[in-house]
Amino acid sequence: MTPEDARYPDMIRGHGNNRHVASPEAIRIPSTTEQVVEIVEEAVRDGKRIALRSGGYCFANLVFNDESEIIVDLRLMDHVGFDDEREAFVVEPGATLLQIYELLHIGWGVTLPGGGCYATGAGGALLRGRSRHPLPPARRRQRSHPRRRGRHRGRAG
């Protein structure tokens, strides 16, 4: 997608933050890992600076800035599932926290701590943008114990 595309103005800023606006020469929207590899190889070959957009929710200008020449928008890569061969969960970078929470909980009864901004994409949330502290692995939600009848800590029940 180039600036001539009617969708372009909607793709050059993030959600809820109009302070940062990019003006890339192109926005690429892959749907497979192979396409991402091709886009990155092409950008490296041509000496272009790329920026990756996952969900688009960011208060910093990590993607939407004057230096981004190619934005790789990963939102079509939003699969959440379980890989039986690897015995591991799969979360593609375009999946939002809301999708991740719902699908992991409904499908497998697990969750992960990711925060309360449901529009955040996995590419930013799980990698924490530029943070050096990754999230812990997914874990089963602890079931709360039913409330005990009778006296509890000296109070009548």
N, C-alpha and C. Protein backbone atom coordinates (compact mmCIF):
# COMPACT_ATOMS: atom_id res chain seq x y z
N MET A 1 0.85 -1.17 0.00
CA MET A 1 0.00 0.00 0.00
C MET A 1 0.89 1.24 0.00
N THR A 2 0.56 2.19 -0.81
CA THR A 2 1.33 3.44 -0.92
C THR A 2 0.43 4.61 -0.55
N PRO A 3 0.98 5.82 -0.47
CA PRO A 3 0.17 6.99 -0.10
C PRO A 3 -1.03 7.24 -1.01
N GLU A 4 -1.01 6.69 -2.21
CA GLU A 4 -2.13 6.88 -3.15
C GLU A 4 -3.34 6.01 -2.78
N ASP A 5 -3.15 5.01 -1.96
CA ASP A 5 -4.22 4.09 -1.55
C ASP A 5 -5.17 4.80 -0.58
N ALA A 6 -6.46 4.62 -0.77
CA ALA A 6 -7.46 5.27 0.08
C ALA A 6 -7.36 4.85 1.55
N ARG A 7 -6.80 3.67 1.82
CA ARG A 7 -6.66 3.19 3.20
C ARG A 7 -5.46 3.78 3.94
N TYR A 8 -4.53 4.34 3.20
CA TYR A 8 -3.27 4.82 3.75
C TYR A 8 -3.43 5.75 4.96
N PRO A 9 -4.28 6.78 4.91
CA PRO A 9 -4.40 7.67 6.07
C PRO A 9 -4.82 6.96 7.37
N ASP A 10 -5.54 5.84 7.24
CA ASP A 10 -5.96 5.09 8.43
C ASP A 10 -4.86 4.19 8.96
N MET A 11 -3.78 4.05 8.22
CA MET A 11 -2.73 3.09 8.57
C MET A 11 -1.46 3.75 9.08
N ILE A 12 -1.43 5.07 9.18
CA ILE A 12 -0.18 5.75 9.54
C ILE A 12 -0.16 6.30 10.96
N ARG A 13 -1.12 5.89 11.77
CA ARG A 13 -1.14 6.28 13.19
C ARG A 13 -1.73 5.13 13.98
N GLY A 14 -1.44 5.12 15.28
CA GLY A 14 -1.93 4.05 16.14
C GLY A 14 -3.28 4.37 16.75
N HIS A 15 -3.78 3.44 17.54
CA HIS A 15 -5.06 3.61 18.23
C HIS A 15 -4.93 4.59 19.39
N GLY A 16 -5.83 5.51 19.48
CA GLY A 16 -5.90 6.40 20.64
C GLY A 16 -4.72 7.33 20.82
N ASN A 17 -3.89 7.49 19.82
CA ASN A 17 -2.73 8.36 19.97
C ASN A 17 -2.46 9.03 18.63
N ASN A 18 -2.93 10.25 18.51
CA ASN A 18 -2.74 10.97 17.26
C ASN A 18 -1.51 11.87 17.28
N ARG A 19 -0.72 11.79 18.38
CA ARG A 19 0.49 12.61 18.46
C ARG A 19 1.54 12.15 17.46
N HIS A 20 1.60 10.84 17.20
CA HIS A 20 2.63 10.30 16.34
C HIS A 20 2.02 9.82 15.02
N VAL A 21 2.51 10.39 13.95
CA VAL A 21 2.03 10.05 12.62
C VAL A 21 3.24 9.76 11.74
N ALA A 22 3.17 8.67 11.00
CA ALA A 22 4.25 8.30 10.10
C ALA A 22 3.92 8.73 8.68
N SER A 23 4.93 8.73 7.85
CA SER A 23 4.71 8.98 6.42
C SER A 23 5.59 8.02 5.62
N PRO A 24 5.35 6.72 5.81
CA PRO A 24 6.18 5.74 5.11
C PRO A 24 5.90 5.74 3.61
N GLU A 25 6.88 5.28 2.87
CA GLU A 25 6.67 5.18 1.42
C GLU A 25 5.77 4.00 1.08
N ALA A 26 5.70 3.02 2.00
CA ALA A 26 4.82 1.87 1.76
C ALA A 26 4.43 1.22 3.08
N ILE A 27 3.25 0.62 3.07
CA ILE A 27 2.78 -0.20 4.18
C ILE A 27 2.52 -1.57 3.60
N ARG A 28 3.14 -2.56 4.18
CA ARG A 28 2.99 -3.93 3.71
C ARG A 28 2.15 -4.69 4.72
N ILE A 29 1.26 -5.55 4.25
CA ILE A 29 0.33 -6.26 5.11
C ILE A 29 0.43 -7.76 4.84
N PRO A 30 1.41 -8.44 5.43
CA PRO A 30 1.57 -9.87 5.19
C PRO A 30 0.55 -10.69 5.98
N SER A 31 0.32 -11.91 5.50
CA SER A 31 -0.55 -12.83 6.24
C SER A 31 0.16 -14.13 6.58
N THR A 32 1.44 -14.26 6.16
CA THR A 32 2.21 -15.46 6.46
C THR A 32 3.63 -15.08 6.87
N THR A 33 4.28 -16.01 7.56
CA THR A 33 5.67 -15.79 7.95
C THR A 33 6.55 -15.64 6.72
N GLU A 34 6.28 -16.43 5.70
CA GLU A 34 7.07 -16.36 4.46
C GLU A 34 6.98 -14.97 3.83
N GLN A 35 5.81 -14.36 3.86
CA GLN A 35 5.66 -13.01 3.32
C GLN A 35 6.46 -12.00 4.14
N VAL A 36 6.47 -12.17 5.47
CA VAL A 36 7.25 -11.28 6.32
C VAL A 36 8.73 -11.39 5.96
N VAL A 37 9.22 -12.61 5.80
CA VAL A 37 10.61 -12.83 5.43
C VAL A 37 10.93 -12.12 4.11
N GLU A 38 10.07 -12.25 3.13
CA GLU A 38 10.27 -11.59 1.83
C GLU A 38 10.33 -10.07 1.98
N ILE A 39 9.41 -9.52 2.77
CA ILE A 39 9.36 -8.07 2.97
C ILE A 39 10.63 -7.58 3.65
N VAL A 40 11.06 -8.28 4.68
CA VAL A 40 12.27 -7.87 5.41
C VAL A 40 13.49 -7.99 4.51
N GLU A 41 13.61 -9.08 3.77
CA GLU A 41 14.75 -9.25 2.86
C GLU A 41 14.79 -8.13 1.82
N GLU A 42 13.63 -7.79 1.28
CA GLU A 42 13.54 -6.72 0.28
C GLU A 42 13.96 -5.38 0.89
N ALA A 43 13.49 -5.09 2.09
CA ALA A 43 13.82 -3.83 2.76
C ALA A 43 15.31 -3.75 3.06
N VAL A 44 15.88 -4.86 3.53
CA VAL A 44 17.32 -4.88 3.81
C VAL A 44 18.11 -4.67 2.53
N ARG A 45 17.72 -5.37 1.47
CA ARG A 45 18.39 -5.23 0.18
C ARG A 45 18.36 -3.78 -0.32
N ASP A 46 17.21 -3.12 -0.12
CA ASP A 46 17.04 -1.75 -0.61
C ASP A 46 17.49 -0.69 0.39
N GLY A 47 17.97 -1.12 1.55
CA GLY A 47 18.44 -0.17 2.57
C GLY A 47 17.33 0.63 3.21
N LYS A 48 16.13 0.06 3.32
CA LYS A 48 14.97 0.76 3.89
C LYS A 48 14.82 0.43 5.37
N ARG A 49 14.43 1.41 6.14
CA ARG A 49 14.17 1.22 7.57
C ARG A 49 12.73 0.73 7.73
N ILE A 50 12.57 -0.40 8.43
CA ILE A 50 11.23 -0.95 8.62
C ILE A 50 10.79 -0.76 10.07
N ALA A 51 9.48 -0.76 10.24
CA ALA A 51 8.87 -0.73 11.57
C ALA A 51 7.74 -1.75 11.55
N LEU A 52 7.57 -2.47 12.64
CA LEU A 52 6.54 -3.50 12.73
C LEU A 52 5.36 -3.01 13.54
N ARG A 53 4.18 -3.13 12.98
CA ARG A 53 2.94 -2.80 13.69
C ARG A 53 2.25 -4.10 14.03
N SER A 54 1.90 -4.25 15.29
CA SER A 54 1.20 -5.46 15.73
C SER A 54 -0.27 -5.11 15.89
N GLY A 55 -0.64 -4.52 17.01
CA GLY A 55 -2.01 -4.09 17.21
C GLY A 55 -2.20 -2.62 16.91
N GLY A 56 -1.12 -1.86 17.02
CA GLY A 56 -1.19 -0.43 16.74
C GLY A 56 -1.42 0.43 17.95
N TYR A 57 -1.46 -0.18 19.14
CA TYR A 57 -1.70 0.59 20.35
C TYR A 57 -0.37 0.90 20.99
N CYS A 58 0.04 2.16 20.96
CA CYS A 58 1.34 2.53 21.50
C CYS A 58 1.36 4.02 21.79
N PHE A 59 1.81 4.37 22.99
CA PHE A 59 1.92 5.78 23.32
C PHE A 59 3.27 6.36 22.92
N ALA A 60 4.22 5.50 22.57
CA ALA A 60 5.52 5.96 22.09
C ALA A 60 5.50 5.99 20.57
N ASN A 61 6.53 6.54 19.99
CA ASN A 61 6.58 6.60 18.52
C ASN A 61 7.49 5.52 17.95
N LEU A 62 7.30 4.29 18.41
CA LEU A 62 8.14 3.18 17.97
C LEU A 62 7.88 2.81 16.51
N VAL A 63 6.67 2.97 16.05
CA VAL A 63 6.31 2.63 14.66
C VAL A 63 6.01 3.90 13.87
N PHE A 64 5.21 4.74 14.43
CA PHE A 64 4.72 5.91 13.71
C PHE A 64 5.64 7.10 13.96
N ASN A 65 6.67 7.19 13.11
CA ASN A 65 7.67 8.24 13.25
C ASN A 65 8.23 8.58 11.87
N ASP A 66 9.07 9.62 11.81
CA ASP A 66 9.62 10.08 10.53
C ASP A 66 10.66 9.14 9.94
N GLU A 67 11.20 8.22 10.75
CA GLU A 67 12.25 7.33 10.27
C GLU A 67 11.70 6.06 9.61
N SER A 68 10.45 5.72 9.85
CA SER A 68 9.86 4.50 9.29
C SER A 68 9.60 4.67 7.80
N GLU A 69 10.33 3.91 6.98
CA GLU A 69 10.15 3.99 5.53
C GLU A 69 9.17 2.92 5.04
N ILE A 70 9.19 1.77 5.70
CA ILE A 70 8.27 0.67 5.38
C ILE A 70 7.63 0.23 6.69
N ILE A 71 6.31 0.26 6.78
CA ILE A 71 5.62 -0.28 7.95
C ILE A 71 5.10 -1.66 7.56
N VAL A 72 5.45 -2.64 8.37
CA VAL A 72 4.97 -4.00 8.16
C VAL A 72 3.84 -4.20 9.17
N ASP A 73 2.62 -4.21 8.69
CA ASP A 73 1.43 -4.32 9.52
C ASP A 73 1.07 -5.79 9.67
N LEU A 74 1.20 -6.32 10.88
CA LEU A 74 1.05 -7.75 11.14
C LEU A 74 -0.35 -8.16 11.58
N ARG A 75 -1.32 -7.28 11.48
CA ARG A 75 -2.65 -7.57 12.02
C ARG A 75 -3.36 -8.75 11.37
N LEU A 76 -3.03 -9.10 10.15
CA LEU A 76 -3.68 -10.27 9.53
C LEU A 76 -3.11 -11.59 10.08
N MET A 77 -2.01 -11.50 10.77
CA MET A 77 -1.40 -12.69 11.36
C MET A 77 -1.86 -12.77 12.82
N ASP A 78 -3.08 -13.26 13.02
CA ASP A 78 -3.69 -13.19 14.35
C ASP A 78 -4.16 -14.54 14.90
N HIS A 79 -3.54 -15.62 14.45
CA HIS A 79 -3.93 -16.96 14.90
C HIS A 79 -3.52 -17.19 16.36
N VAL A 80 -4.43 -17.78 17.13
CA VAL A 80 -4.15 -18.23 18.49
C VAL A 80 -4.58 -19.68 18.55
N GLY A 81 -3.69 -20.56 18.97
CA GLY A 81 -4.02 -21.98 19.00
C GLY A 81 -2.98 -22.80 19.73
N PHE A 82 -3.03 -24.10 19.51
CA PHE A 82 -2.11 -25.02 20.14
C PHE A 82 -1.47 -25.89 19.07
N ASP A 83 -0.15 -25.99 19.09
CA ASP A 83 0.60 -26.80 18.15
C ASP A 83 0.86 -28.15 18.80
N ASP A 84 0.13 -29.18 18.34
CA ASP A 84 0.25 -30.52 18.94
C ASP A 84 1.65 -31.10 18.77
N GLU A 85 2.27 -30.83 17.64
CA GLU A 85 3.61 -31.38 17.39
C GLU A 85 4.64 -30.82 18.37
N ARG A 86 4.55 -29.53 18.63
CA ARG A 86 5.51 -28.88 19.54
C ARG A 86 5.02 -28.87 20.99
N GLU A 87 3.76 -29.23 21.17
CA GLU A 87 3.13 -29.19 22.49
C GLU A 87 3.30 -27.80 23.12
N ALA A 88 2.91 -26.79 22.32
CA ALA A 88 3.06 -25.41 22.76
C ALA A 88 1.95 -24.56 22.17
N PHE A 89 1.63 -23.48 22.86
CA PHE A 89 0.64 -22.54 22.34
C PHE A 89 1.29 -21.70 21.25
N VAL A 90 0.46 -21.31 20.29
CA VAL A 90 0.88 -20.47 19.17
C VAL A 90 0.08 -19.18 19.25
N VAL A 91 0.78 -18.06 19.28
CA VAL A 91 0.13 -16.76 19.26
C VAL A 91 0.87 -15.92 18.23
N GLU A 92 0.19 -15.62 17.13
CA GLU A 92 0.81 -14.80 16.10
C GLU A 92 0.81 -13.34 16.54
N PRO A 93 1.72 -12.53 15.99
CA PRO A 93 1.92 -11.16 16.48
C PRO A 93 0.76 -10.21 16.29
N GLY A 94 -0.15 -10.48 15.36
CA GLY A 94 -1.27 -9.58 15.13
C GLY A 94 -2.47 -9.83 16.03
N ALA A 95 -2.44 -10.90 16.81
CA ALA A 95 -3.55 -11.18 17.73
C ALA A 95 -3.55 -10.14 18.84
N THR A 96 -4.73 -9.62 19.15
CA THR A 96 -4.82 -8.65 20.24
C THR A 96 -4.95 -9.37 21.57
N LEU A 97 -4.68 -8.64 22.65
CA LEU A 97 -4.81 -9.24 23.97
C LEU A 97 -6.22 -9.78 24.19
N LEU A 98 -7.23 -9.09 23.71
CA LEU A 98 -8.60 -9.58 23.88
C LEU A 98 -8.78 -10.93 23.19
N GLN A 99 -8.30 -11.07 21.96
CA GLN A 99 -8.38 -12.36 21.26
C GLN A 99 -7.63 -13.44 22.04
N ILE A 100 -6.45 -13.10 22.50
CA ILE A 100 -5.61 -14.07 23.21
C ILE A 100 -6.30 -14.53 24.49
N TYR A 101 -6.75 -13.57 25.31
CA TYR A 101 -7.41 -13.92 26.57
C TYR A 101 -8.61 -14.83 26.32
N GLU A 102 -9.47 -14.42 25.38
CA GLU A 102 -10.69 -15.19 25.13
C GLU A 102 -10.40 -16.59 24.60
N LEU A 103 -9.55 -16.69 23.60
CA LEU A 103 -9.30 -17.98 22.96
C LEU A 103 -8.52 -18.93 23.86
N LEU A 104 -7.53 -18.44 24.59
CA LEU A 104 -6.79 -19.31 25.51
C LEU A 104 -7.70 -19.80 26.64
N HIS A 105 -8.52 -18.90 27.15
CA HIS A 105 -9.41 -19.27 28.26
C HIS A 105 -10.49 -20.25 27.80
N ILE A 106 -11.18 -19.94 26.71
CA ILE A 106 -12.26 -20.80 26.23
C ILE A 106 -11.73 -22.13 25.72
N GLY A 107 -10.62 -22.10 24.99
CA GLY A 107 -10.09 -23.31 24.38
C GLY A 107 -9.33 -24.23 25.31
N TRP A 108 -8.59 -23.67 26.26
CA TRP A 108 -7.69 -24.50 27.06
C TRP A 108 -7.71 -24.20 28.55
N GLY A 109 -8.47 -23.20 28.98
CA GLY A 109 -8.54 -22.87 30.40
C GLY A 109 -7.26 -22.27 30.94
N VAL A 110 -6.49 -21.61 30.08
CA VAL A 110 -5.25 -20.95 30.51
C VAL A 110 -5.32 -19.48 30.17
N THR A 111 -4.41 -18.72 30.72
CA THR A 111 -4.34 -17.30 30.42
C THR A 111 -2.89 -16.87 30.53
N LEU A 112 -2.64 -15.61 30.30
CA LEU A 112 -1.33 -15.04 30.53
C LEU A 112 -1.51 -13.61 31.01
N PRO A 113 -0.56 -13.11 31.78
CA PRO A 113 -0.68 -11.72 32.24
C PRO A 113 -0.21 -10.78 31.14
N GLY A 114 -1.10 -9.95 30.67
CA GLY A 114 -0.71 -9.08 29.57
C GLY A 114 -1.14 -7.64 29.75
N GLY A 115 -1.97 -7.37 30.73
CA GLY A 115 -2.42 -6.00 30.93
C GLY A 115 -3.88 -5.83 30.56
N GLY A 116 -4.36 -4.62 30.70
CA GLY A 116 -5.77 -4.35 30.51
C GLY A 116 -6.11 -3.62 29.23
N CYS A 117 -5.15 -3.32 28.39
CA CYS A 117 -5.44 -2.64 27.14
C CYS A 117 -5.64 -3.71 26.08
N TYR A 118 -6.89 -4.06 25.81
CA TYR A 118 -7.22 -5.19 24.96
C TYR A 118 -6.88 -5.00 23.49
N ALA A 119 -6.63 -3.77 23.06
CA ALA A 119 -6.28 -3.52 21.66
C ALA A 119 -4.80 -3.76 21.38
N THR A 120 -4.00 -3.95 22.42
CA THR A 120 -2.58 -4.18 22.23
C THR A 120 -2.37 -5.50 21.51
N GLY A 121 -1.50 -5.49 20.51
CA GLY A 121 -1.19 -6.71 19.77
C GLY A 121 -0.12 -7.54 20.46
N ALA A 122 -0.11 -8.82 20.15
CA ALA A 122 0.85 -9.74 20.78
C ALA A 122 2.29 -9.34 20.48
N GLY A 123 2.55 -8.81 19.30
CA GLY A 123 3.91 -8.42 18.96
C GLY A 123 4.48 -7.40 19.92
N GLY A 124 3.65 -6.51 20.41
CA GLY A 124 4.11 -5.52 21.38
C GLY A 124 3.96 -6.01 22.81
N ALA A 125 2.84 -6.67 23.10
CA ALA A 125 2.57 -7.09 24.47
C ALA A 125 3.51 -8.19 24.94
N LEU A 126 3.68 -9.22 24.14
CA LEU A 126 4.49 -10.36 24.58
C LEU A 126 5.97 -10.04 24.55
N LEU A 127 6.35 -9.17 23.65
CA LEU A 127 7.76 -8.78 23.59
C LEU A 127 8.02 -7.51 24.37
N ARG A 128 6.94 -6.92 24.88
CA ARG A 128 6.99 -5.69 25.67
C ARG A 128 7.65 -4.54 24.94
N GLY A 129 7.40 -4.46 23.64
CA GLY A 129 7.98 -3.36 22.87
C GLY A 129 9.48 -3.36 23.00
N ARG A 130 10.02 -2.35 23.62
CA ARG A 130 11.47 -2.28 23.81
C ARG A 130 11.89 -2.68 25.21
N SER A 131 10.96 -3.17 26.00
CA SER A 131 11.27 -3.56 27.37
C SER A 131 12.18 -4.78 27.39
N ARG A 132 12.97 -4.90 28.42
CA ARG A 132 13.86 -6.04 28.57
C ARG A 132 13.25 -7.14 29.42
N HIS A 133 12.01 -6.98 29.82
CA HIS A 133 11.39 -7.93 30.73
C HIS A 133 10.24 -8.64 30.05
N PRO A 134 10.46 -9.84 29.49
CA PRO A 134 9.37 -10.56 28.82
C PRO A 134 8.35 -11.06 29.83
N LEU A 135 7.18 -11.37 29.32
CA LEU A 135 6.13 -11.91 30.18
C LEU A 135 6.43 -13.35 30.57
N PRO A 136 5.95 -13.79 31.71
CA PRO A 136 6.10 -15.20 32.06
C PRO A 136 5.23 -16.06 31.15
N PRO A 137 5.48 -17.37 31.10
CA PRO A 137 4.68 -18.24 30.22
C PRO A 137 3.23 -18.33 30.67
N ALA A 138 2.38 -18.76 29.74
CA ALA A 138 0.96 -18.95 30.05
C ALA A 138 0.81 -19.93 31.20
N ARG A 139 -0.20 -19.71 32.02
CA ARG A 139 -0.40 -20.61 33.16
C ARG A 139 -1.88 -20.84 33.36
N ARG A 140 -2.16 -21.95 34.03
CA ARG A 140 -3.56 -22.25 34.34
C ARG A 140 -4.05 -21.28 35.40
N ARG A 141 -5.26 -20.86 35.24
CA ARG A 141 -5.86 -19.96 36.22
C ARG A 141 -6.14 -20.74 37.50
N GLN A 142 -5.77 -20.20 38.62
CA GLN A 142 -6.01 -20.86 39.90
C GLN A 142 -7.49 -20.75 40.24
N ARG A 143 -8.07 -21.87 40.57
CA ARG A 143 -9.48 -21.87 40.95
C ARG A 143 -9.60 -21.40 42.39
N SER A 144 -10.52 -20.52 42.63
CA SER A 144 -10.71 -20.06 44.00
C SER A 144 -11.46 -21.13 44.78
N HIS A 145 -11.16 -21.21 46.04
CA HIS A 145 -11.82 -22.18 46.89
C HIS A 145 -13.20 -21.66 47.26
N PRO A 146 -14.18 -22.56 47.36
CA PRO A 146 -15.50 -22.10 47.76
C PRO A 146 -15.42 -21.51 49.16
N ARG A 147 -16.26 -20.55 49.41
CA ARG A 147 -16.26 -19.90 50.71
C ARG A 147 -16.60 -20.91 51.80
N ARG A 148 -15.81 -20.91 52.84
CA ARG A 148 -16.04 -21.84 53.94
C ARG A 148 -17.21 -21.38 54.79
N ARG A 149 -17.94 -22.34 55.25
CA ARG A 149 -19.05 -22.03 56.14
C ARG A 149 -18.55 -21.97 57.58
N GLY A 150 -19.26 -21.25 58.39
CA GLY A 150 -18.89 -21.19 59.81
C GLY A 150 -17.94 -20.05 60.09
N ARG A 151 -17.19 -20.22 61.14
CA ARG A 151 -16.31 -19.15 61.61
C ARG A 151 -15.07 -19.03 60.73
N HIS A 152 -14.71 -17.80 60.43
CA HIS A 152 -13.52 -17.53 59.66
C HIS A 152 -12.79 -16.35 60.29
N ARG A 153 -11.57 -16.58 60.74
CA ARG A 153 -10.77 -15.54 61.38
C ARG A 153 -11.53 -14.84 62.50
N GLY A 154 -12.21 -15.62 63.29
CA GLY A 154 -12.86 -15.06 64.47
C GLY A 154 -14.19 -14.42 64.22
N ARG A 155 -14.66 -14.42 62.95
CA ARG A 155 -15.96 -13.81 62.65
C ARG A 155 -16.99 -14.92 62.44
N ALA A 156 -18.21 -14.61 62.81
CA ALA A 156 -19.29 -15.57 62.60
C ALA A 156 -19.59 -15.61 61.11
N GLY A 157 -19.89 -16.83 60.60
CA GLY A 157 -20.13 -16.96 59.17
C GLY A 157 -21.55 -17.15 58.82
